Amino acid sequence: MPGTITNPVLLFIADLFPMAHAMDAMMSVIFYHAGLSDVIMALLTMLLIGIIAMGLGINLIERRNQ
């Protein structure tokens, strides 16, 4: 398939960003009529990435203000 990235390093880096998981979930819902139970792992992964990013951000802001 043209335009598909197959490099494992780039795929790993893409998995660190929530946009890849959001696009996977949206494409599953739109193209394959997936339900909530089908995309729950992508949603939970995005939630986990958000919680980790928020924790890091709060930690860095508090460290900078000391």
C-alpha atoms as a PDB file:
ATOM      1  CA  MET A   1       0.000   0.000   0.000  1.00  0.00           C
ATOM      2  CA  PRO A   2       1.589   3.324  -0.998  1.00  0.00           C
ATOM      3  CA  GLY A   3       2.147   5.801   1.783  1.00  0.00           C
ATOM      4  CA  THR A   4       2.397   3.195   4.525  1.00  0.00           C
ATOM      5  CA  ILE A   5       5.324   3.501   6.912  1.00  0.00           C
ATOM      6  CA  THR A   6       7.003   0.169   7.618  1.00  0.00           C
ATOM      7  CA  ASN A   7      10.109   1.318   9.493  1.00  0.00           C
ATOM      8  CA  PRO A   8       9.817  -0.108  13.048  1.00  0.00           C
ATOM      9  CA  VAL A   9      11.656   2.848  14.608  1.00  0.00           C
ATOM     10  CA  LEU A  10       9.245   5.352  13.081  1.00  0.00           C
ATOM     11  CA  LEU A  11       6.266   3.209  14.074  1.00  0.00           C
ATOM     12  CA  PHE A  12       7.514   3.147  17.687  1.00  0.00           C
ATOM     13  CA  ILE A  13       7.911   6.935  17.706  1.00  0.00           C
ATOM     14  CA  ALA A  14       4.419   7.326  16.237  1.00  0.00           C
ATOM     15  CA  ASP A  15       2.976   5.200  19.051  1.00  0.00           C
ATOM     16  CA  LEU A  16       4.290   7.716  21.601  1.00  0.00           C
ATOM     17  CA  PHE A  17       1.929  10.402  20.286  1.00  0.00           C
ATOM     18  CA  PRO A  18      -1.831  10.244  20.868  1.00  0.00           C
ATOM     19  CA  MET A  19      -2.646  11.401  17.328  1.00  0.00           C
ATOM     20  CA  ALA A  20      -1.757   7.975  15.904  1.00  0.00           C
ATOM     21  CA  HIS A  21      -4.126   6.244  18.319  1.00  0.00           C
ATOM     22  CA  ALA A  22      -6.877   8.789  17.654  1.00  0.00           C
ATOM     23  CA  MET A  23      -6.583   8.279  13.901  1.00  0.00           C
ATOM     24  CA  ASP A  24      -6.674   4.494  14.304  1.00  0.00           C
ATOM     25  CA  ALA A  25      -9.822   4.747  16.422  1.00  0.00           C
ATOM     26  CA  MET A  26     -11.556   7.188  14.064  1.00  0.00           C
ATOM     27  CA  MET A  27     -10.676   5.167  10.974  1.00  0.00           C
ATOM     28  CA  SER A  28     -11.976   1.991  12.637  1.00  0.00           C
ATOM     29  CA  VAL A  29     -15.265   3.686  13.479  1.00  0.00           C
ATOM     30  CA  ILE A  30     -15.704   5.356  10.093  1.00  0.00           C
ATOM     31  CA  PHE A  31     -14.541   2.607   7.743  1.00  0.00           C
ATOM     32  CA  TYR A  32     -15.310  -0.566   9.673  1.00  0.00           C
ATOM     33  CA  HIS A  33     -18.269   0.626  11.814  1.00  0.00           C
ATOM     34  CA  ALA A  34     -16.406  -0.341  14.986  1.00  0.00           C
ATOM     35  CA  GLY A  35     -18.133   0.129  18.303  1.00  0.00           C
ATOM     36  CA  LEU A  36     -16.868   1.432  21.605  1.00  0.00           C
ATOM     37  CA  SER A  37     -15.641  -1.994  22.658  1.00  0.00           C
ATOM     38  CA  ASP A  38     -13.502  -2.157  19.513  1.00  0.00           C
ATOM     39  CA  VAL A  39     -11.730   1.169  20.074  1.00  0.00           C
ATOM     40  CA  ILE A  40     -11.487   1.123  23.875  1.00  0.00           C
ATOM     41  CA  MET A  41      -7.763   0.231  23.848  1.00  0.00           C
ATOM     42  CA  ALA A  42      -6.947   3.224  21.641  1.00  0.00           C
ATOM     43  CA  LEU A  43      -8.981   5.481  23.941  1.00  0.00           C
ATOM     44  CA  LEU A  44      -7.308   4.105  27.056  1.00  0.00           C
ATOM     45  CA  THR A  45      -3.883   4.530  25.461  1.00  0.00           C
ATOM     46  CA  MET A  46      -4.666   8.177  24.699  1.00  0.00           C
ATOM     47  CA  LEU A  47      -5.864   8.660  28.273  1.00  0.00           C
ATOM     48  CA  LEU A  48      -2.660   7.119  29.644  1.00  0.00           C
ATOM     49  CA  ILE A  49      -0.482   9.315  27.419  1.00  0.00           C
ATOM     50  CA  GLY A  50      -2.435  12.373  28.600  1.00  0.00           C
ATOM     51  CA  ILE A  51      -2.051  11.455  32.271  1.00  0.00           C
ATOM     52  CA  ILE A  52       1.702  10.901  31.864  1.00  0.00           C
ATOM     53  CA  ALA A  53       2.123  14.173  29.954  1.00  0.00           C
ATOM     54  CA  MET A  54       0.117  16.082  32.571  1.00  0.00           C
ATOM     55  CA  GLY A  55       2.190  14.578  35.382  1.00  0.00           C
ATOM     56  CA  LEU A  56       5.428  15.509  33.640  1.00  0.00           C
ATOM     57  CA  GLY A  57       4.151  19.016  32.939  1.00  0.00           C
ATOM     58  CA  ILE A  58       3.079  19.632  36.527  1.00  0.00           C
ATOM     59  CA  ASN A  59       6.401  18.282  37.784  1.00  0.00           C
ATOM     60  CA  LEU A  60       8.396  20.537  35.451  1.00  0.00           C
ATOM     61  CA  ILE A  61       6.349  23.639  36.329  1.00  0.00           C
ATOM     62  CA  GLU A  62       6.740  23.027  40.053  1.00  0.00           C
ATOM     63  CA  ARG A  63      10.465  22.409  39.660  1.00  0.00           C
ATOM     64  CA  ARG A  64      10.879  25.642  37.665  1.00  0.00           C
ATOM     65  CA  ASN A  65       9.064  27.738  40.286  1.00  0.00           C
ATOM     66  CA  GLN A  66      11.325  26.641  43.149  1.00  0.00           C
END
